[in-house]
C-alpha atoms as a PDB file:
ATOM      1  CA  MET A   1      37.888 -31.981 -85.245  1.00  0.00           C
ATOM      2  CA  VAL A   2      36.581 -32.910 -81.802  1.00  0.00           C
ATOM      3  CA  ALA A   3      34.462 -36.058 -81.754  1.00  0.00           C
ATOM      4  CA  GLU A   4      31.051 -35.540 -80.212  1.00  0.00           C
ATOM      5  CA  SER A   5      30.509 -39.207 -79.362  1.00  0.00           C
ATOM      6  CA  GLY A   6      32.589 -42.224 -78.523  1.00  0.00           C
ATOM      7  CA  SER A   7      35.011 -40.153 -76.474  1.00  0.00           C
ATOM      8  CA  ARG A   8      35.747 -40.797 -72.819  1.00  0.00           C
ATOM      9  CA  THR A   9      35.665 -37.048 -72.102  1.00  0.00           C
ATOM     10  CA  PRO A  10      32.420 -35.158 -72.793  1.00  0.00           C
ATOM     11  CA  VAL A  11      32.767 -32.609 -75.568  1.00  0.00           C
ATOM     12  CA  ALA A  12      31.917 -29.725 -73.250  1.00  0.00           C
ATOM     13  CA  ASP A  13      34.796 -30.758 -70.991  1.00  0.00           C
ATOM     14  CA  GLN A  14      37.095 -30.914 -74.001  1.00  0.00           C
ATOM     15  CA  MET A  15      36.028 -27.434 -75.087  1.00  0.00           C
ATOM     16  CA  TYR A  16      36.591 -26.125 -71.580  1.00  0.00           C
ATOM     17  CA  GLU A  17      40.164 -27.420 -71.649  1.00  0.00           C
ATOM     18  CA  VAL A  18      40.777 -26.166 -75.194  1.00  0.00           C
ATOM     19  CA  LEU A  19      39.641 -22.639 -74.368  1.00  0.00           C
ATOM     20  CA  LEU A  20      41.472 -22.607 -71.050  1.00  0.00           C
ATOM     21  CA  SER A  21      44.664 -23.657 -72.829  1.00  0.00           C
ATOM     22  CA  GLN A  22      44.176 -20.871 -75.353  1.00  0.00           C
ATOM     23  CA  PHE A  23      43.851 -18.357 -72.519  1.00  0.00           C
ATOM     24  CA  MET A  24      47.004 -19.684 -70.869  1.00  0.00           C
ATOM     25  CA  ASP A  25      48.946 -19.608 -74.132  1.00  0.00           C
ATOM     26  CA  GLY A  26      47.847 -16.060 -74.888  1.00  0.00           C
ATOM     27  CA  ILE A  27      46.024 -17.139 -78.064  1.00  0.00           C
ATOM     28  CA  ARG A  28      42.936 -15.351 -76.776  1.00  0.00           C
ATOM     29  CA  GLY A  29      43.804 -12.235 -74.845  1.00  0.00           C
ATOM     30  CA  ALA A  30      42.062 -10.421 -72.018  1.00  0.00           C
ATOM     31  CA  GLY A  31      38.883  -8.700 -73.181  1.00  0.00           C
ATOM     32  CA  GLU A  32      38.689 -10.544 -76.522  1.00  0.00           C
ATOM     33  CA  PRO A  33      35.149 -11.370 -77.774  1.00  0.00           C
ATOM     34  CA  LEU A  34      34.186 -15.054 -77.855  1.00  0.00           C
ATOM     35  CA  ASN A  35      31.650 -15.550 -80.635  1.00  0.00           C
ATOM     36  CA  ILE A  36      29.993 -18.949 -80.345  1.00  0.00           C
ATOM     37  CA  GLY A  37      29.361 -19.232 -84.078  1.00  0.00           C
ATOM     38  CA  ALA A  38      32.956 -18.420 -84.957  1.00  0.00           C
ATOM     39  CA  LEU A  39      34.281 -20.776 -82.285  1.00  0.00           C
ATOM     40  CA  SER A  40      31.985 -23.531 -83.533  1.00  0.00           C
ATOM     41  CA  ARG A  41      33.415 -23.228 -87.034  1.00  0.00           C
ATOM     42  CA  GLU A  42      37.008 -22.871 -85.854  1.00  0.00           C
ATOM     43  CA  LEU A  43      36.894 -25.877 -83.524  1.00  0.00           C
ATOM     44  CA  ASN A  44      34.513 -27.912 -85.719  1.00  0.00           C
ATOM     45  CA  VAL A  45      32.083 -28.616 -82.916  1.00  0.00           C
ATOM     46  CA  SER A  46      28.415 -27.801 -82.403  1.00  0.00           C
ATOM     47  CA  PRO A  47      27.436 -24.686 -80.415  1.00  0.00           C
ATOM     48  CA  THR A  48      25.872 -26.582 -77.498  1.00  0.00           C
ATOM     49  CA  PRO A  49      29.069 -27.902 -75.853  1.00  0.00           C
ATOM     50  CA  LEU A  50      30.702 -24.519 -76.458  1.00  0.00           C
ATOM     51  CA  ARG A  51      27.903 -22.800 -74.562  1.00  0.00           C
ATOM     52  CA  GLU A  52      28.348 -25.274 -71.702  1.00  0.00           C
ATOM     53  CA  ALA A  53      32.107 -24.702 -71.650  1.00  0.00           C
ATOM     54  CA  LEU A  54      31.720 -20.921 -71.722  1.00  0.00           C
ATOM     55  CA  ALA A  55      29.187 -21.081 -68.893  1.00  0.00           C
ATOM     56  CA  ARG A  56      31.715 -23.021 -66.804  1.00  0.00           C
ATOM     57  CA  LEU A  57      34.451 -20.543 -67.655  1.00  0.00           C
ATOM     58  CA  GLU A  58      32.126 -17.701 -66.698  1.00  0.00           C
ATOM     59  CA  HIS A  59      31.743 -19.320 -63.286  1.00  0.00           C
ATOM     60  CA  THR A  60      35.522 -19.323 -62.846  1.00  0.00           C
ATOM     61  CA  GLY A  61      35.720 -15.604 -63.564  1.00  0.00           C
ATOM     62  CA  LEU A  62      37.853 -16.092 -66.677  1.00  0.00           C
ATOM     63  CA  VAL A  63      34.978 -15.281 -69.046  1.00  0.00           C
ATOM     64  CA  HIS A  64      32.371 -12.537 -68.805  1.00  0.00           C
ATOM     65  CA  ARG A  65      28.919 -12.520 -70.404  1.00  0.00           C
ATOM     66  CA  GLU A  66      27.402  -9.209 -71.438  1.00  0.00           C
ATOM     67  CA  ALA A  67      23.724  -8.678 -72.222  1.00  0.00           C
ATOM     68  CA  LEU A  68      23.078  -8.546 -75.981  1.00  0.00           C
ATOM     69  CA  ARG A  69      26.815  -8.861 -76.677  1.00  0.00           C
ATOM     70  CA  GLY A  70      27.663 -12.405 -75.631  1.00  0.00           C
ATOM     71  CA  TYR A  71      30.841 -13.738 -74.082  1.00  0.00           C
ATOM     72  CA  ARG A  72      34.309 -12.287 -73.919  1.00  0.00           C
ATOM     73  CA  VAL A  73      37.541 -13.148 -72.146  1.00  0.00           C
ATOM     74  CA  ALA A  74      37.668 -11.387 -68.785  1.00  0.00           C
ATOM     75  CA  PRO A  75      39.543  -8.079 -68.881  1.00  0.00           C
ATOM     76  CA  MET A  76      42.802  -7.418 -67.116  1.00  0.00           C
ATOM     77  CA  MET A  77      42.315  -6.566 -63.458  1.00  0.00           C
ATOM     78  CA  SER A  78      42.642  -2.915 -62.563  1.00  0.00           C
ATOM     79  CA  LEU A  79      44.939  -2.015 -59.689  1.00  0.00           C
ATOM     80  CA  THR A  80      41.849  -1.136 -57.664  1.00  0.00           C
ATOM     81  CA  GLU A  81      40.458  -4.633 -58.253  1.00  0.00           C
ATOM     82  CA  VAL A  82      43.790  -6.184 -57.257  1.00  0.00           C
ATOM     83  CA  ARG A  83      43.670  -4.286 -53.958  1.00  0.00           C
ATOM     84  CA  GLN A  84      40.038  -5.258 -53.383  1.00  0.00           C
ATOM     85  CA  LEU A  85      40.776  -8.915 -54.115  1.00  0.00           C
ATOM     86  CA  ARG A  86      43.749  -8.821 -51.737  1.00  0.00           C
ATOM     87  CA  ASP A  87      41.588  -7.352 -48.979  1.00  0.00           C
ATOM     88  CA  ALA A  88      38.869  -9.975 -49.503  1.00  0.00           C
ATOM     89  CA  ARG A  89      41.419 -12.784 -49.411  1.00  0.00           C
ATOM     90  CA  LEU A  90      42.963 -11.409 -46.224  1.00  0.00           C
ATOM     91  CA  LEU A  91      39.577 -11.563 -44.520  1.00  0.00           C
ATOM     92  CA  LEU A  92      39.054 -15.212 -45.453  1.00  0.00           C
ATOM     93  CA  GLU A  93      42.140 -17.257 -46.245  1.00  0.00           C
ATOM     94  CA  PRO A  94      44.237 -16.788 -43.085  1.00  0.00           C
ATOM     95  CA  HIS A  95      41.259 -18.069 -41.090  1.00  0.00           C
ATOM     96  CA  LEU A  96      40.883 -21.026 -43.463  1.00  0.00           C
ATOM     97  CA  ALA A  97      44.569 -21.820 -42.990  1.00  0.00           C
ATOM     98  CA  ALA A  98      44.177 -21.787 -39.211  1.00  0.00           C
ATOM     99  CA  GLU A  99      41.112 -24.030 -39.278  1.00  0.00           C
ATOM    100  CA  ALA A 100      42.717 -26.438 -41.747  1.00  0.00           C
ATOM    101  CA  THR A 101      45.786 -26.633 -39.510  1.00  0.00           C
ATOM    102  CA  ALA A 102      43.653 -27.448 -36.486  1.00  0.00           C
ATOM    103  CA  ARG A 103      42.101 -30.332 -38.449  1.00  0.00           C
ATOM    104  CA  ALA A 104      45.259 -31.403 -40.266  1.00  0.00           C
ATOM    105  CA  THR A 105      45.782 -35.096 -40.946  1.00  0.00           C
ATOM    106  CA  ASP A 106      48.791 -36.834 -42.421  1.00  0.00           C
ATOM    107  CA  ALA A 107      46.831 -37.465 -45.616  1.00  0.00           C
ATOM    108  CA  PHE A 108      45.967 -33.772 -45.916  1.00  0.00           C
ATOM    109  CA  VAL A 109      49.587 -32.763 -45.385  1.00  0.00           C
ATOM    110  CA  ASP A 110      50.681 -35.325 -47.981  1.00  0.00           C
ATOM    111  CA  SER A 111      48.240 -33.849 -50.510  1.00  0.00           C
ATOM    112  CA  LEU A 112      49.610 -30.374 -49.880  1.00  0.00           C
ATOM    113  CA  GLU A 113      53.164 -31.686 -50.177  1.00  0.00           C
ATOM    114  CA  GLU A 114      52.422 -33.209 -53.583  1.00  0.00           C
ATOM    115  CA  THR A 115      50.895 -29.946 -54.759  1.00  0.00           C
ATOM    116  CA  VAL A 116      53.792 -27.852 -53.487  1.00  0.00           C
ATOM    117  CA  ARG A 117      56.292 -30.144 -55.203  1.00  0.00           C
ATOM    118  CA  ASP A 118      54.410 -29.773 -58.475  1.00  0.00           C
ATOM    119  CA  PHE A 119      54.473 -26.014 -57.973  1.00  0.00           C
ATOM    120  CA  GLU A 120      58.195 -25.992 -57.189  1.00  0.00           C
ATOM    121  CA  SER A 121      58.894 -27.934 -60.382  1.00  0.00           C
ATOM    122  CA  THR A 122      57.711 -24.918 -62.415  1.00  0.00           C
ATOM    123  CA  ILE A 123      60.032 -22.290 -60.913  1.00  0.00           C
ATOM    124  CA  ASP A 124      62.456 -22.234 -63.836  1.00  0.00           C
ATOM    125  CA  HIS A 125      59.931 -22.459 -66.660  1.00  0.00           C
ATOM    126  CA  ALA A 126      56.573 -21.038 -65.539  1.00  0.00           C
ATOM    127  CA  ASP A 127      56.249 -18.655 -68.454  1.00  0.00           C
ATOM    128  CA  ARG A 128      53.078 -18.318 -70.513  1.00  0.00           C
ATOM    129  CA  GLU A 129      54.458 -20.293 -73.444  1.00  0.00           C
ATOM    130  CA  THR A 130      55.207 -23.578 -71.693  1.00  0.00           C
ATOM    131  CA  GLU A 131      53.491 -26.471 -69.986  1.00  0.00           C
ATOM    132  CA  GLY A 132      55.147 -25.156 -66.838  1.00  0.00           C
ATOM    133  CA  PHE A 133      52.656 -22.326 -66.666  1.00  0.00           C
ATOM    134  CA  ARG A 134      49.755 -24.790 -66.731  1.00  0.00           C
ATOM    135  CA  ILE A 135      51.267 -26.780 -63.863  1.00  0.00           C
ATOM    136  CA  TYR A 136      51.960 -23.559 -61.966  1.00  0.00           C
ATOM    137  CA  TRP A 137      48.409 -22.298 -62.459  1.00  0.00           C
ATOM    138  CA  ARG A 138      46.711 -25.569 -61.538  1.00  0.00           C
ATOM    139  CA  SER A 139      49.000 -26.290 -58.578  1.00  0.00           C
ATOM    140  CA  ASP A 140      48.460 -22.822 -57.149  1.00  0.00           C
ATOM    141  CA  ASP A 141      44.704 -23.208 -57.478  1.00  0.00           C
ATOM    142  CA  ARG A 142      44.699 -26.720 -55.979  1.00  0.00           C
ATOM    143  CA  PHE A 143      46.838 -25.692 -52.998  1.00  0.00           C
ATOM    144  CA  HIS A 144      44.417 -22.999 -51.889  1.00  0.00           C
ATOM    145  CA  ARG A 145      41.325 -25.104 -52.611  1.00  0.00           C
ATOM    146  CA  LEU A 146      42.682 -27.998 -50.538  1.00  0.00           C
ATOM    147  CA  ILE A 147      43.114 -25.686 -47.571  1.00  0.00           C
ATOM    148  CA  ALA A 148      39.628 -24.230 -47.988  1.00  0.00           C
ATOM    149  CA  ALA A 149      38.082 -27.699 -48.238  1.00  0.00           C
ATOM    150  CA  HIS A 150      39.903 -28.977 -45.147  1.00  0.00           C
ATOM    151  CA  ALA A 151      38.860 -26.059 -42.944  1.00  0.00           C
ATOM    152  CA  GLY A 152      35.669 -27.917 -42.074  1.00  0.00           C
ATOM    153  CA  ASN A 153      33.163 -25.138 -42.759  1.00  0.00           C
ATOM    154  CA  PRO A 154      31.146 -25.564 -45.970  1.00  0.00           C
ATOM    155  CA  PHE A 155      29.913 -21.969 -45.836  1.00  0.00           C
ATOM    156  CA  LEU A 156      33.464 -20.645 -45.765  1.00  0.00           C
ATOM    157  CA  GLU A 157      34.490 -23.118 -48.446  1.00  0.00           C
ATOM    158  CA  ASN A 158      31.668 -21.852 -50.655  1.00  0.00           C
ATOM    159  CA  ALA A 159      32.783 -18.296 -49.959  1.00  0.00           C
ATOM    160  CA  TYR A 160      36.279 -19.228 -51.084  1.00  0.00           C
ATOM    161  CA  THR A 161      34.928 -20.960 -54.200  1.00  0.00           C
ATOM    162  CA  THR A 162      33.155 -17.746 -55.156  1.00  0.00           C
ATOM    163  CA  LEU A 163      36.324 -15.766 -54.577  1.00  0.00           C
ATOM    164  CA  ALA A 164      38.484 -18.339 -56.361  1.00  0.00           C
ATOM    165  CA  GLY A 165      37.133 -17.355 -59.766  1.00  0.00           C
ATOM    166  CA  GLN A 166      38.600 -13.899 -59.377  1.00  0.00           C
ATOM    167  CA  ILE A 167      41.820 -15.354 -57.972  1.00  0.00           C
ATOM    168  CA  GLN A 168      42.075 -17.458 -61.142  1.00  0.00           C
ATOM    169  CA  ARG A 169      41.550 -14.322 -63.181  1.00  0.00           C
ATOM    170  CA  PHE A 170      44.329 -12.620 -61.215  1.00  0.00           C
ATOM    171  CA  ARG A 171      46.693 -15.560 -61.768  1.00  0.00           C
ATOM    172  CA  LEU A 172      46.026 -15.843 -65.472  1.00  0.00           C
ATOM    173  CA  PHE A 173      45.845 -12.222 -66.544  1.00  0.00           C
ATOM    174  CA  SER A 174      48.265 -10.526 -64.153  1.00  0.00           C
ATOM    175  CA  LYS A 175      51.129 -11.703 -66.421  1.00  0.00           C
ATOM    176  CA  LEU A 176      53.386 -12.418 -63.431  1.00  0.00           C
ATOM    177  CA  GLY A 177      54.571 -15.642 -65.070  1.00  0.00           C
ATOM    178  CA  ARG A 178      58.052 -16.703 -64.059  1.00  0.00           C
ATOM    179  CA  THR A 179      58.356 -14.116 -61.283  1.00  0.00           C
ATOM    180  CA  GLY A 180      55.136 -15.294 -59.665  1.00  0.00           C
ATOM    181  CA  ALA A 181      56.279 -18.901 -59.492  1.00  0.00           C
ATOM    182  CA  LYS A 182      59.742 -17.967 -58.278  1.00  0.00           C
ATOM    183  CA  TRP A 183      58.409 -16.113 -55.264  1.00  0.00           C
ATOM    184  CA  ALA A 184      55.160 -17.963 -54.558  1.00  0.00           C
ATOM    185  CA  ALA A 185      56.735 -21.432 -54.359  1.00  0.00           C
ATOM    186  CA  PRO A 186      58.701 -20.748 -51.146  1.00  0.00           C
ATOM    187  CA  GLU A 187      55.644 -18.974 -49.727  1.00  0.00           C
ATOM    188  CA  HIS A 188      53.544 -22.093 -50.313  1.00  0.00           C
ATOM    189  CA  ARG A 189      56.309 -24.182 -48.754  1.00  0.00           C
ATOM    190  CA  ALA A 190      56.277 -21.942 -45.661  1.00  0.00           C
ATOM    191  CA  ILE A 191      52.503 -22.322 -45.302  1.00  0.00           C
ATOM    192  CA  LEU A 192      52.817 -26.094 -45.656  1.00  0.00           C
ATOM    193  CA  ASP A 193      55.599 -26.234 -43.060  1.00  0.00           C
ATOM    194  CA  ALA A 194      53.408 -24.357 -40.582  1.00  0.00           C
ATOM    195  CA  ILE A 195      50.488 -26.710 -41.223  1.00  0.00           C
ATOM    196  CA  ARG A 196      52.743 -29.747 -40.955  1.00  0.00           C
ATOM    197  CA  SER A 197      53.944 -28.541 -37.540  1.00  0.00           C
ATOM    198  CA  ARG A 198      50.277 -28.024 -36.514  1.00  0.00           C
ATOM    199  CA  ASP A 199      51.009 -24.359 -35.709  1.00  0.00           C
ATOM    200  CA  ALA A 200      47.751 -22.587 -36.547  1.00  0.00           C
ATOM    201  CA  ASP A 201      49.020 -19.131 -35.596  1.00  0.00           C
ATOM    202  CA  LEU A 202      52.047 -19.506 -37.842  1.00  0.00           C
ATOM    203  CA  ALA A 203      49.923 -20.858 -40.706  1.00  0.00           C
ATOM    204  CA  THR A 204      47.681 -17.811 -40.349  1.00  0.00           C
ATOM    205  CA  GLU A 205      50.648 -15.468 -40.542  1.00  0.00           C
ATOM    206  CA  ARG A 206      52.284 -17.282 -43.445  1.00  0.00           C
ATOM    207  CA  MET A 207      49.054 -17.207 -45.448  1.00  0.00           C
ATOM    208  CA  ARG A 208      48.650 -13.509 -44.734  1.00  0.00           C
ATOM    209  CA  GLU A 209      52.212 -12.839 -45.859  1.00  0.00           C
ATOM    210  CA  HIS A 210      51.662 -14.841 -49.045  1.00  0.00           C
ATOM    211  CA  ILE A 211      48.491 -12.971 -50.017  1.00  0.00           C
ATOM    212  CA  GLU A 212      50.056  -9.583 -49.344  1.00  0.00           C
ATOM    213  CA  ALA A 213      53.196 -10.510 -51.273  1.00  0.00           C
ATOM    214  CA  SER A 214      51.219 -11.913 -54.205  1.00  0.00           C
ATOM    215  CA  ALA A 215      49.307  -8.671 -54.646  1.00  0.00           C
ATOM    216  CA  GLY A 216      52.412  -6.625 -53.943  1.00  0.00           C
ATOM    217  CA  ARG A 217      54.268  -8.200 -56.851  1.00  0.00           C
ATOM    218  CA  LEU A 218      51.736  -6.578 -59.156  1.00  0.00           C
ATOM    219  CA  LEU A 219      51.058  -3.389 -57.208  1.00  0.00           C
ATOM    220  CA  ASP A 220      54.698  -2.659 -56.376  1.00  0.00           C
ATOM    221  CA  PRO A 221      56.797  -4.439 -59.015  1.00  0.00           C
END
């Protein structure tokens, strides 16, 4: 049972983490219905925090809400959607990398370094059944969000935030697992090295290569 009072973490936040963990562990698969009443009974919590958690998950792109049908886990991405997401990222993220490099500080580089090290720690165990996948997923997300935030343009950062929900969906439901971490870790390291050297052109190119390779691992396995 989840306590609805006296807890340091609000119940809605707890439910968000519980459901996210279930997605990561494959307990609730892509496209599966999420009935609030059934979840309330299963998790022994009132419907209100569940609704709040599902609304947050909808914002990330990991949950969809359908009129008259309620919530369900987001479906697997089609290959067409993967290509469209890749193209959208290529229009935005290389520019964000260049702008973040131009504004790079030692503190920013240190934050990226910490995130990349966390990511690298998952290479040998980033499968869907381990804590390694959670670290992989969160580190990947944090790395790209840090760059977007440091680019210095709130409109572009908001554009990335909108796109990030679908990127999260791609990460979670593409089932790349171990292979994704194995290849993406050195790509993140290469982007960081370019930013550390304050080479905006190289950071742009490394980000472009990473996005193309990430999609390519699913499109051309």
